[in-house]
C-alpha atoms as a PDB file:
ATOM      1  CA  MET A   1      82.069  50.642  69.408  1.00  0.00           C
ATOM      2  CA  ASN A   2      80.979  53.981  67.990  1.00  0.00           C
ATOM      3  CA  LYS A   3      78.427  53.476  65.220  1.00  0.00           C
ATOM      4  CA  GLN A   4      80.514  55.750  63.036  1.00  0.00           C
ATOM      5  CA  GLU A   5      83.641  53.642  63.448  1.00  0.00           C
ATOM      6  CA  TYR A   6      84.718  50.151  62.488  1.00  0.00           C
ATOM      7  CA  HIS A   7      87.796  48.316  63.736  1.00  0.00           C
ATOM      8  CA  PRO A   8      88.353  44.542  63.464  1.00  0.00           C
ATOM      9  CA  SER A   9      89.317  42.904  66.753  1.00  0.00           C
ATOM     10  CA  VAL A  10      92.771  41.451  67.354  1.00  0.00           C
ATOM     11  CA  LEU A  11      91.230  37.963  67.283  1.00  0.00           C
ATOM     12  CA  LEU A  12      89.540  38.636  63.951  1.00  0.00           C
ATOM     13  CA  LYS A  13      92.795  39.905  62.451  1.00  0.00           C
ATOM     14  CA  LEU A  14      94.562  36.760  63.650  1.00  0.00           C
ATOM     15  CA  GLN A  15      91.857  34.502  62.207  1.00  0.00           C
ATOM     16  CA  ARG A  16      92.075  36.289  58.871  1.00  0.00           C
ATOM     17  CA  ARG A  17      95.825  35.891  58.776  1.00  0.00           C
ATOM     18  CA  VAL A  18      95.514  32.148  59.385  1.00  0.00           C
ATOM     19  CA  LEU A  19      92.731  31.739  56.805  1.00  0.00           C
ATOM     20  CA  ASN A  20      94.542  33.789  54.146  1.00  0.00           C
ATOM     21  CA  THR A  21      97.782  31.891  54.698  1.00  0.00           C
ATOM     22  CA  ALA A  22      95.981  28.542  54.409  1.00  0.00           C
ATOM     23  CA  ALA A  23      94.090  29.611  51.266  1.00  0.00           C
ATOM     24  CA  ARG A  24      97.250  30.934  49.628  1.00  0.00           C
ATOM     25  CA  LEU A  25      99.067  27.675  50.342  1.00  0.00           C
ATOM     26  CA  ILE A  26      96.204  25.603  48.874  1.00  0.00           C
ATOM     27  CA  PHE A  27      96.142  27.685  45.686  1.00  0.00           C
ATOM     28  CA  LEU A  28      99.920  27.431  45.287  1.00  0.00           C
ATOM     29  CA  LEU A  29      99.994  23.683  45.912  1.00  0.00           C
ATOM     30  CA  GLY A  30      97.005  22.898  43.696  1.00  0.00           C
ATOM     31  CA  GLY A  31      97.710  25.200  40.799  1.00  0.00           C
ATOM     32  CA  ARG A  32      99.653  28.108  39.359  1.00  0.00           C
ATOM     33  CA  VAL A  33      98.808  31.652  40.414  1.00  0.00           C
ATOM     34  CA  LYS A  34      99.683  34.587  38.196  1.00  0.00           C
ATOM     35  CA  ILE A  35      99.259  38.189  39.394  1.00  0.00           C
ATOM     36  CA  SER A  36      99.709  41.301  37.277  1.00  0.00           C
ATOM     37  CA  GLY A  37      99.192  44.989  38.014  1.00  0.00           C
ATOM     38  CA  LEU A  38     100.287  45.080  41.665  1.00  0.00           C
ATOM     39  CA  GLU A  39     101.847  48.455  40.941  1.00  0.00           C
ATOM     40  CA  ASN A  40      98.347  49.853  40.363  1.00  0.00           C
ATOM     41  CA  ILE A  41      97.309  49.425  44.003  1.00  0.00           C
ATOM     42  CA  PRO A  42      97.370  52.757  45.913  1.00  0.00           C
ATOM     43  CA  ARG A  43      98.936  51.335  49.069  1.00  0.00           C
ATOM     44  CA  GLY A  44      97.694  52.682  52.370  1.00  0.00           C
ATOM     45  CA  GLN A  45      94.636  54.371  50.874  1.00  0.00           C
ATOM     46  CA  VAL A  46      90.923  53.607  51.034  1.00  0.00           C
ATOM     47  CA  TYR A  47      89.462  51.971  47.928  1.00  0.00           C
ATOM     48  CA  VAL A  48      87.000  49.350  46.744  1.00  0.00           C
ATOM     49  CA  VAL A  49      88.161  46.300  44.793  1.00  0.00           C
ATOM     50  CA  ALA A  50      85.592  45.264  42.171  1.00  0.00           C
ATOM     51  CA  ALA A  51      85.994  41.898  40.451  1.00  0.00           C
ATOM     52  CA  ASN A  52      84.115  39.521  38.195  1.00  0.00           C
ATOM     53  CA  HIS A  53      82.662  36.570  40.090  1.00  0.00           C
ATOM     54  CA  ILE A  54      82.731  33.126  38.509  1.00  0.00           C
ATOM     55  CA  SER A  55      82.772  30.754  41.486  1.00  0.00           C
ATOM     56  CA  ILE A  56      83.319  30.420  45.243  1.00  0.00           C
ATOM     57  CA  PHE A  57      87.067  30.392  44.610  1.00  0.00           C
ATOM     58  CA  ASP A  58      87.231  34.082  43.620  1.00  0.00           C
ATOM     59  CA  PRO A  59      86.980  35.761  47.054  1.00  0.00           C
ATOM     60  CA  PRO A  60      89.564  33.554  48.819  1.00  0.00           C
ATOM     61  CA  LEU A  61      91.916  33.936  45.840  1.00  0.00           C
ATOM     62  CA  ILE A  62      91.809  37.727  45.962  1.00  0.00           C
ATOM     63  CA  LEU A  63      91.749  38.014  49.759  1.00  0.00           C
ATOM     64  CA  SER A  64      94.722  35.686  50.251  1.00  0.00           C
ATOM     65  CA  PHE A  65      96.988  37.190  47.578  1.00  0.00           C
ATOM     66  CA  TRP A  66      96.063  40.873  47.922  1.00  0.00           C
ATOM     67  CA  PRO A  67      98.979  42.770  49.531  1.00  0.00           C
ATOM     68  CA  GLU A  68      96.688  44.745  51.877  1.00  0.00           C
ATOM     69  CA  SER A  69      93.838  43.582  54.087  1.00  0.00           C
ATOM     70  CA  LEU A  70      90.365  43.698  52.567  1.00  0.00           C
ATOM     71  CA  GLU A  71      86.931  43.542  54.139  1.00  0.00           C
ATOM     72  CA  ALA A  72      84.510  41.113  52.488  1.00  0.00           C
ATOM     73  CA  ILE A  73      80.794  40.521  52.089  1.00  0.00           C
ATOM     74  CA  GLY A  74      79.029  37.265  51.277  1.00  0.00           C
ATOM     75  CA  ALA A  75      75.566  36.059  50.334  1.00  0.00           C
ATOM     76  CA  THR A  76      73.495  34.777  53.263  1.00  0.00           C
ATOM     77  CA  ASP A  77      72.978  31.410  51.564  1.00  0.00           C
ATOM     78  CA  MET A  78      76.749  30.862  51.643  1.00  0.00           C
ATOM     79  CA  PHE A  79      76.731  31.368  55.421  1.00  0.00           C
ATOM     80  CA  ARG A  80      74.336  28.421  55.692  1.00  0.00           C
ATOM     81  CA  ARG A  81      76.630  26.022  53.821  1.00  0.00           C
ATOM     82  CA  PRO A  82      78.329  23.562  56.208  1.00  0.00           C
ATOM     83  CA  GLY A  83      81.997  24.355  56.607  1.00  0.00           C
ATOM     84  CA  PHE A  84      82.049  27.295  54.225  1.00  0.00           C
ATOM     85  CA  GLY A  85      79.669  29.270  56.426  1.00  0.00           C
ATOM     86  CA  GLN A  86      81.954  28.794  59.424  1.00  0.00           C
ATOM     87  CA  LEU A  87      84.917  30.066  57.416  1.00  0.00           C
ATOM     88  CA  LEU A  88      82.981  33.179  56.394  1.00  0.00           C
ATOM     89  CA  LYS A  89      82.127  33.862  60.028  1.00  0.00           C
ATOM     90  CA  MET A  90      85.732  33.322  61.093  1.00  0.00           C
ATOM     91  CA  PHE A  91      86.846  35.816  58.453  1.00  0.00           C
ATOM     92  CA  GLY A  92      84.271  38.330  59.640  1.00  0.00           C
ATOM     93  CA  ALA A  93      82.505  38.622  56.279  1.00  0.00           C
ATOM     94  CA  VAL A  94      79.302  40.670  56.284  1.00  0.00           C
ATOM     95  CA  PRO A  95      76.182  38.728  55.185  1.00  0.00           C
ATOM     96  CA  VAL A  96      74.204  40.080  52.230  1.00  0.00           C
ATOM     97  CA  HIS A  97      70.592  39.293  51.313  1.00  0.00           C
ATOM     98  CA  ARG A  98      70.767  39.069  47.529  1.00  0.00           C
ATOM     99  CA  GLY A  99      68.135  41.019  45.619  1.00  0.00           C
ATOM    100  CA  GLU A 100      67.003  42.981  48.688  1.00  0.00           C
ATOM    101  CA  TYR A 101      67.575  46.588  49.679  1.00  0.00           C
ATOM    102  CA  ASP A 102      69.450  46.510  52.986  1.00  0.00           C
ATOM    103  CA  ARG A 103      70.013  49.940  54.478  1.00  0.00           C
ATOM    104  CA  GLU A 104      71.830  48.531  57.513  1.00  0.00           C
ATOM    105  CA  LEU A 105      74.254  46.644  55.281  1.00  0.00           C
ATOM    106  CA  LEU A 106      75.012  49.749  53.236  1.00  0.00           C
ATOM    107  CA  GLU A 107      75.659  51.746  56.404  1.00  0.00           C
ATOM    108  CA  THR A 108      77.984  49.008  57.687  1.00  0.00           C
ATOM    109  CA  ILE A 109      79.962  49.040  54.437  1.00  0.00           C
ATOM    110  CA  LEU A 110      80.197  52.830  54.429  1.00  0.00           C
ATOM    111  CA  THR A 111      81.341  52.813  58.054  1.00  0.00           C
ATOM    112  CA  MET A 112      84.135  50.390  57.109  1.00  0.00           C
ATOM    113  CA  LEU A 113      85.325  52.633  54.293  1.00  0.00           C
ATOM    114  CA  ARG A 114      85.037  55.826  56.327  1.00  0.00           C
ATOM    115  CA  SER A 115      87.060  54.163  59.076  1.00  0.00           C
ATOM    116  CA  GLY A 116      89.934  53.665  56.646  1.00  0.00           C
ATOM    117  CA  TYR A 117      89.370  50.052  55.569  1.00  0.00           C
ATOM    118  CA  ARG A 118      89.193  48.608  52.075  1.00  0.00           C
ATOM    119  CA  LEU A 119      86.421  46.452  50.616  1.00  0.00           C
ATOM    120  CA  LEU A 120      86.155  43.607  48.099  1.00  0.00           C
ATOM    121  CA  ILE A 121      82.879  43.459  46.177  1.00  0.00           C
ATOM    122  CA  ALA A 122      81.459  41.624  43.150  1.00  0.00           C
ATOM    123  CA  PRO A 123      79.271  44.094  41.217  1.00  0.00           C
ATOM    124  CA  GLU A 124      77.351  41.234  39.568  1.00  0.00           C
ATOM    125  CA  GLY A 125      75.790  40.454  42.929  1.00  0.00           C
ATOM    126  CA  GLY A 126      76.665  36.760  42.913  1.00  0.00           C
ATOM    127  CA  ARG A 127      78.476  33.955  41.139  1.00  0.00           C
ATOM    128  CA  SER A 128      77.831  33.566  37.432  1.00  0.00           C
ATOM    129  CA  HIS A 129      78.923  29.874  37.296  1.00  0.00           C
ATOM    130  CA  THR A 130      80.150  30.705  33.794  1.00  0.00           C
ATOM    131  CA  VAL A 131      83.109  32.758  32.633  1.00  0.00           C
ATOM    132  CA  ALA A 132      80.893  35.302  30.808  1.00  0.00           C
ATOM    133  CA  MET A 133      80.061  38.343  32.949  1.00  0.00           C
ATOM    134  CA  ARG A 134      76.502  39.338  33.781  1.00  0.00           C
ATOM    135  CA  ARG A 135      75.223  42.880  34.139  1.00  0.00           C
ATOM    136  CA  ALA A 136      76.231  44.642  37.361  1.00  0.00           C
ATOM    137  CA  LYS A 137      73.888  45.702  40.120  1.00  0.00           C
ATOM    138  CA  PRO A 138      73.868  49.468  40.827  1.00  0.00           C
ATOM    139  CA  GLY A 139      74.694  49.109  44.549  1.00  0.00           C
ATOM    140  CA  ILE A 140      78.441  49.500  44.082  1.00  0.00           C
ATOM    141  CA  ALA A 141      77.926  52.909  42.457  1.00  0.00           C
ATOM    142  CA  TYR A 142      75.937  54.084  45.480  1.00  0.00           C
ATOM    143  CA  ILE A 143      78.680  52.906  47.853  1.00  0.00           C
ATOM    144  CA  LEU A 144      81.485  54.586  45.910  1.00  0.00           C
ATOM    145  CA  ASP A 145      79.550  57.845  45.598  1.00  0.00           C
ATOM    146  CA  GLU A 146      78.723  57.987  49.307  1.00  0.00           C
ATOM    147  CA  ALA A 147      82.237  57.007  50.392  1.00  0.00           C
ATOM    148  CA  ASN A 148      83.958  59.227  47.809  1.00  0.00           C
ATOM    149  CA  ALA A 149      86.408  56.401  47.138  1.00  0.00           C
ATOM    150  CA  PRO A 150      88.103  55.108  43.980  1.00  0.00           C
ATOM    151  CA  VAL A 151      87.508  51.629  42.625  1.00  0.00           C
ATOM    152  CA  ILE A 152      90.158  49.176  41.452  1.00  0.00           C
ATOM    153  CA  PRO A 153      88.885  46.913  38.645  1.00  0.00           C
ATOM    154  CA  VAL A 154      90.139  43.342  38.892  1.00  0.00           C
ATOM    155  CA  GLY A 155      89.767  40.575  36.336  1.00  0.00           C
ATOM    156  CA  ILE A 156      89.828  36.982  37.562  1.00  0.00           C
ATOM    157  CA  VAL A 157      90.653  34.215  35.075  1.00  0.00           C
ATOM    158  CA  GLY A 158      90.554  30.446  35.538  1.00  0.00           C
ATOM    159  CA  THR A 159      88.461  30.045  38.710  1.00  0.00           C
ATOM    160  CA  THR A 160      85.795  27.844  37.150  1.00  0.00           C
ATOM    161  CA  ASP A 161      83.655  25.510  39.261  1.00  0.00           C
ATOM    162  CA  ASP A 162      85.878  22.545  38.355  1.00  0.00           C
ATOM    163  CA  LEU A 163      89.035  24.225  39.706  1.00  0.00           C
ATOM    164  CA  LEU A 164      89.174  21.999  42.788  1.00  0.00           C
ATOM    165  CA  LYS A 165      88.742  18.818  40.718  1.00  0.00           C
ATOM    166  CA  LYS A 166      91.570  19.880  38.422  1.00  0.00           C
ATOM    167  CA  GLY A 167      93.789  20.574  41.406  1.00  0.00           C
ATOM    168  CA  LEU A 168      93.065  17.187  42.984  1.00  0.00           C
ATOM    169  CA  ARG A 169      93.947  15.540  39.660  1.00  0.00           C
ATOM    170  CA  PHE A 170      97.339  17.292  39.760  1.00  0.00           C
ATOM    171  CA  GLN A 171      96.570  19.201  36.566  1.00  0.00           C
ATOM    172  CA  ARG A 172      97.858  22.390  38.256  1.00  0.00           C
ATOM    173  CA  PRO A 173      95.380  24.774  36.603  1.00  0.00           C
ATOM    174  CA  GLU A 174      96.448  28.376  36.151  1.00  0.00           C
ATOM    175  CA  VAL A 175      94.448  31.181  37.750  1.00  0.00           C
ATOM    176  CA  GLU A 176      95.091  34.868  37.237  1.00  0.00           C
ATOM    177  CA  ILE A 177      94.469  38.097  39.117  1.00  0.00           C
ATOM    178  CA  ARG A 178      94.674  41.026  36.714  1.00  0.00           C
ATOM    179  CA  ILE A 179      94.667  44.366  38.538  1.00  0.00           C
ATOM    180  CA  GLY A 180      93.708  47.535  36.704  1.00  0.00           C
ATOM    181  CA  LYS A 181      94.397  51.162  37.537  1.00  0.00           C
ATOM    182  CA  PRO A 182      92.137  52.907  40.105  1.00  0.00           C
ATOM    183  CA  ILE A 183      89.308  54.901  38.590  1.00  0.00           C
ATOM    184  CA  ARG A 184      87.026  57.641  39.872  1.00  0.00           C
ATOM    185  CA  LEU A 185      83.420  57.438  38.787  1.00  0.00           C
ATOM    186  CA  PRO A 186      81.427  60.411  37.464  1.00  0.00           C
ATOM    187  CA  LEU A 187      79.430  62.187  40.159  1.00  0.00           C
ATOM    188  CA  LEU A 188      75.842  61.051  40.472  1.00  0.00           C
ATOM    189  CA  GLU A 189      73.306  63.679  39.506  1.00  0.00           C
ATOM    190  CA  GLY A 190      69.548  64.027  39.431  1.00  0.00           C
ATOM    191  CA  ARG A 191      66.894  62.422  41.600  1.00  0.00           C
ATOM    192  CA  GLY A 192      64.605  59.438  41.508  1.00  0.00           C
ATOM    193  CA  GLU A 193      64.746  57.451  38.295  1.00  0.00           C
ATOM    194  CA  GLU A 194      67.387  59.737  36.798  1.00  0.00           C
ATOM    195  CA  ARG A 195      69.706  59.047  39.720  1.00  0.00           C
ATOM    196  CA  ARG A 196      69.039  55.312  39.612  1.00  0.00           C
ATOM    197  CA  GLU A 197      69.966  55.292  35.923  1.00  0.00           C
ATOM    198  CA  ALA A 198      73.154  57.202  36.731  1.00  0.00           C
ATOM    199  CA  ARG A 199      74.092  54.558  39.309  1.00  0.00           C
ATOM    200  CA  GLN A 200      73.565  51.807  36.772  1.00  0.00           C
ATOM    201  CA  ARG A 201      75.743  53.648  34.233  1.00  0.00           C
ATOM    202  CA  ASN A 202      78.532  53.941  36.795  1.00  0.00           C
ATOM    203  CA  ALA A 203      78.219  50.255  37.715  1.00  0.00           C
ATOM    204  CA  ASP A 204      78.381  49.379  34.010  1.00  0.00           C
ATOM    205  CA  LEU A 205      81.434  51.609  33.648  1.00  0.00           C
ATOM    206  CA  ILE A 206      83.246  49.609  36.321  1.00  0.00           C
ATOM    207  CA  MET A 207      82.363  46.359  34.573  1.00  0.00           C
ATOM    208  CA  SER A 208      83.582  47.730  31.250  1.00  0.00           C
ATOM    209  CA  HIS A 209      86.980  48.352  32.853  1.00  0.00           C
ATOM    210  CA  ILE A 210      86.968  44.820  34.277  1.00  0.00           C
ATOM    211  CA  ALA A 211      86.009  43.454  30.849  1.00  0.00           C
ATOM    212  CA  GLY A 212      89.048  45.177  29.365  1.00  0.00           C
ATOM    213  CA  LEU A 213      91.262  43.089  31.658  1.00  0.00           C
ATOM    214  CA  LEU A 214      89.682  39.784  30.632  1.00  0.00           C
ATOM    215  CA  PRO A 215      89.874  37.410  27.646  1.00  0.00           C
ATOM    216  CA  SER A 216      87.095  37.897  25.093  1.00  0.00           C
ATOM    217  CA  GLU A 217      85.055  34.880  26.242  1.00  0.00           C
ATOM    218  CA  TYR A 218      84.894  36.338  29.769  1.00  0.00           C
ATOM    219  CA  ARG A 219      83.400  39.705  28.829  1.00  0.00           C
ATOM    220  CA  GLY A 220      79.798  38.563  28.501  1.00  0.00           C
ATOM    221  CA  VAL A 221      77.304  41.432  28.263  1.00  0.00           C
ATOM    222  CA  TYR A 222      80.209  43.897  28.299  1.00  0.00           C
ATOM    223  CA  ALA A 223      81.889  42.482  25.185  1.00  0.00           C
ATOM    224  CA  ASP A 224      81.048  45.562  23.120  1.00  0.00           C
ATOM    225  CA  SER A 225      81.813  48.130  25.824  1.00  0.00           C
ATOM    226  CA  ALA A 226      85.117  46.806  27.197  1.00  0.00           C
ATOM    227  CA  ILE A 227      87.578  49.549  28.162  1.00  0.00           C
ATOM    228  CA  PHE A 228      91.133  48.344  27.686  1.00  0.00           C
ATOM    229  CA  PRO A 229      93.987  49.566  29.934  1.00  0.00           C
ATOM    230  CA  VAL A 230      96.451  52.017  28.449  1.00  0.00           C
END
């Protein structure tokens, strides 16, 4: 494969279809899934989906109910978890070393986007294990600037760590996917520290849009800067 191109294999596409179908069925049987804002998705275009990240249930929820295929990344420690790691490999998720600068990873992500594929990413850099959002990492701003792609803010509600327990108790918990309108970030300017600060501002801007889609208790550090949809 050309280093400047990315194309999932037929086998990988088949595995993803099976995994997404299974995940969707589990969510529908164990709870109630509510989706709003599907009309905001620019079908057939390249974009990045940015969502808050409460628990391990967030990625499969979005991936299985999103109307277009999405590429995914996952923390390396999740790949080492029995069972879950195998599922990540079957899906073709790209491993991420949290807290480390990984040039090869960034190039892989950019190659995906430049090849016409879409990406799911959690700007917080990992699960919060609480509904309140943490501050975003600046990496997403770098990716969007280099790829010249829009970002779709997505708010996830109800995917707390006890979601599986509630489902097994037949409580049928409700989970929501709230999809916002695509946004274009301001161009990054300056060099060195000035540019790094600009990336952080853009990452915070994305999170402010996500916060505007969420209930007040979910907004966390972005409670005072939430940007509500119009």
